[in-house]
Amino acid sequence: MVPRVGALKLKPQLFCGSERAMGPGKADLLDAIAVHGSISAAGRALGMSYRYTWLQVDGMNRCFAGKLVEATPGGRGGGAVVTDYGRLVLTAYRELEAALMQTASDHPRLAELETMMRDAPLPQGGDER
C-alpha cells in the first residue's frame, strides 16, 4: 500500500539503471514472502499473477548486491525466504519511506496546497469556479 500524508501520496522508487529496483509494491511483496514462505503464495495474497510475481523477485535479486529472496524449487519442501540481506534492504527502504512521510507531513507547503483544494472533485463537466 502506498502511504499518504493527507492529500499527498508518496511513492519512493529506487532505480538500478532503467529498472525499478525497489518501491512500495516490491517492499510489500518482500513482506508477503516473509509471511507466506512462498513467492507464488505471496503473489496470490497481493493479487499478482504468478509470472509478474516471479519477474519482480528476479528484478530485485538482479538489482541488489546480494539476493533479497532465496527460492527452492516448488512442490513438497519448496518455498522462498527473504534473506538476511533482503531484510536489511527492506528495513532501510521502510525507514526511508517513513522519513519522507515525516518530512512531507511537516512541510508548510503541503498544508498550504491542501487549503487550496476542494474536499472532493466537481462532477465531470462541472465548470463551477
Protein backbone atom coordinates (compact mmCIF):
# COMPACT_ATOMS: atom_id res chain seq x y z
CA MET A 1 0.00 0.00 0.00
CA VAL A 2 1.39 3.38 -0.99
CA PRO A 3 1.48 5.71 2.02
CA ARG A 4 -0.34 9.03 2.05
CA VAL A 5 0.04 12.19 4.08
CA GLY A 6 -3.26 13.99 3.76
CA ALA A 7 -3.80 14.54 0.05
CA LEU A 8 -0.18 13.69 -0.81
CA LYS A 9 0.70 10.19 -1.98
CA LEU A 10 4.39 9.34 -1.78
CA LYS A 11 5.82 6.53 -3.84
CA PRO A 12 9.60 6.39 -3.40
CA GLN A 13 11.21 4.24 -6.06
CA LEU A 14 14.86 3.22 -6.35
CA PHE A 15 16.26 2.58 -9.81
CA CYS A 16 19.09 0.34 -10.93
CA GLY A 17 19.87 1.77 -14.35
CA SER A 18 16.47 1.97 -16.00
CA GLU A 19 14.95 -0.85 -13.93
CA ARG A 20 12.88 -0.22 -10.80
CA ALA A 21 14.83 -2.00 -8.07
CA MET A 22 12.57 -1.18 -5.11
CA GLY A 23 9.32 0.61 -4.50
CA PRO A 24 6.23 0.22 -2.32
CA GLY A 25 4.90 -2.78 -4.27
CA LYS A 26 8.18 -4.67 -4.16
CA ALA A 27 8.54 -3.91 -0.44
CA ASP A 28 5.02 -5.28 0.10
CA LEU A 29 5.99 -8.36 -1.91
CA LEU A 30 9.03 -8.96 0.32
CA ASP A 31 6.79 -8.65 3.39
CA ALA A 32 4.33 -11.14 1.88
CA ILE A 33 7.08 -13.63 1.02
CA ALA A 34 8.30 -13.44 4.62
CA VAL A 35 4.77 -14.19 5.86
CA HIS A 36 3.78 -16.88 3.33
CA GLY A 37 7.15 -18.58 2.75
CA SER A 38 6.41 -18.80 -0.96
CA ILE A 39 6.75 -16.44 -3.90
CA SER A 40 3.59 -17.71 -5.60
CA ALA A 41 1.54 -17.61 -2.36
CA ALA A 42 2.77 -14.06 -1.70
CA GLY A 43 1.73 -13.07 -5.20
CA ARG A 44 -1.72 -14.61 -4.77
CA ALA A 45 -2.14 -12.76 -1.45
CA LEU A 46 -1.32 -9.49 -3.22
CA GLY A 47 -3.46 -10.21 -6.29
CA MET A 48 -0.44 -10.55 -8.61
CA SER A 49 -0.09 -13.10 -11.37
CA TYR A 50 2.41 -15.92 -10.94
CA ARG A 51 4.61 -14.63 -13.77
CA TYR A 52 4.55 -11.00 -12.62
CA THR A 53 5.47 -12.00 -9.07
CA TRP A 54 8.45 -14.04 -10.21
CA LEU A 55 9.61 -11.25 -12.51
CA GLN A 56 9.51 -8.79 -9.59
CA VAL A 57 11.62 -11.08 -7.40
CA ASP A 58 14.06 -11.72 -10.25
CA GLY A 59 14.41 -7.97 -10.83
CA MET A 60 15.12 -7.28 -7.17
CA ASN A 61 17.68 -10.08 -6.99
CA ARG A 62 19.43 -8.75 -10.12
CA CYS A 63 19.50 -5.13 -8.95
CA PHE A 64 20.95 -5.52 -5.46
CA ALA A 65 24.45 -6.59 -4.46
CA GLY A 66 23.06 -9.69 -2.74
CA LYS A 67 19.94 -11.83 -3.16
CA LEU A 68 16.87 -10.48 -1.41
CA VAL A 69 14.89 -13.70 -1.86
CA GLU A 70 16.20 -17.26 -1.90
CA ALA A 71 13.85 -19.75 -3.54
CA THR A 72 13.89 -23.53 -3.59
CA PRO A 73 12.07 -25.49 -6.33
CA GLY A 74 8.32 -25.92 -5.90
CA GLY A 75 6.41 -28.95 -4.80
CA ARG A 76 7.00 -30.55 -1.42
CA GLY A 77 9.66 -28.70 0.50
CA GLY A 78 9.71 -25.84 -2.00
CA GLY A 79 9.32 -22.27 -0.94
CA ALA A 80 11.11 -18.99 -0.51
CA VAL A 81 12.64 -16.90 2.22
CA VAL A 82 13.63 -13.27 2.46
CA THR A 83 17.37 -13.40 3.09
CA ASP A 84 19.15 -11.51 5.85
CA TYR A 85 20.35 -9.11 3.16
CA GLY A 86 16.76 -8.78 1.91
CA ARG A 87 15.58 -7.89 5.41
CA LEU A 88 18.31 -5.21 5.62
CA VAL A 89 17.21 -3.73 2.29
CA LEU A 90 13.54 -3.85 3.31
CA THR A 91 14.24 -2.18 6.67
CA ALA A 92 16.32 0.56 5.01
CA TYR A 93 13.58 1.16 2.42
CA ARG A 94 10.79 1.32 5.03
CA GLU A 95 12.85 3.74 7.15
CA LEU A 96 13.43 5.96 4.10
CA GLU A 97 9.72 5.82 3.32
CA ALA A 98 8.86 6.84 6.91
CA ALA A 99 11.40 9.68 6.88
CA LEU A 100 9.98 11.03 3.62
CA MET A 101 6.45 10.83 5.03
CA GLN A 102 7.52 12.73 8.17
CA THR A 103 9.28 15.40 6.12
CA ALA A 104 6.22 15.81 3.89
CA SER A 105 3.80 15.97 6.83
CA ASP A 106 5.90 18.73 8.46
CA HIS A 107 6.28 20.79 5.28
CA PRO A 108 4.26 24.02 5.29
CA ARG A 109 3.66 23.87 1.52
CA LEU A 110 1.63 20.68 1.91
CA ALA A 111 -0.76 22.36 4.33
CA GLU A 112 -0.93 25.39 2.03
CA LEU A 113 -1.74 23.26 -1.02
CA GLU A 114 -4.39 21.31 0.87
CA THR A 115 -6.19 24.56 1.78
CA MET A 116 -6.30 25.38 -1.95
CA MET A 117 -8.03 22.11 -2.84
CA ARG A 118 -11.66 21.12 -2.74
CA ASP A 119 -12.76 18.32 -0.41
CA ALA A 120 -13.94 16.36 -3.47
CA PRO A 121 -13.75 16.93 -7.22
CA LEU A 122 -16.57 18.60 -9.09
CA PRO A 123 -18.64 16.27 -11.28
CA GLN A 124 -17.17 15.80 -14.75
CA GLY A 125 -18.13 18.66 -16.98
CA GLY A 126 -18.70 20.80 -13.87
CA ASP A 127 -17.46 24.29 -14.64
CA GLU A 128 -18.27 25.78 -11.24
CA ARG A 129 -15.45 28.06 -10.02
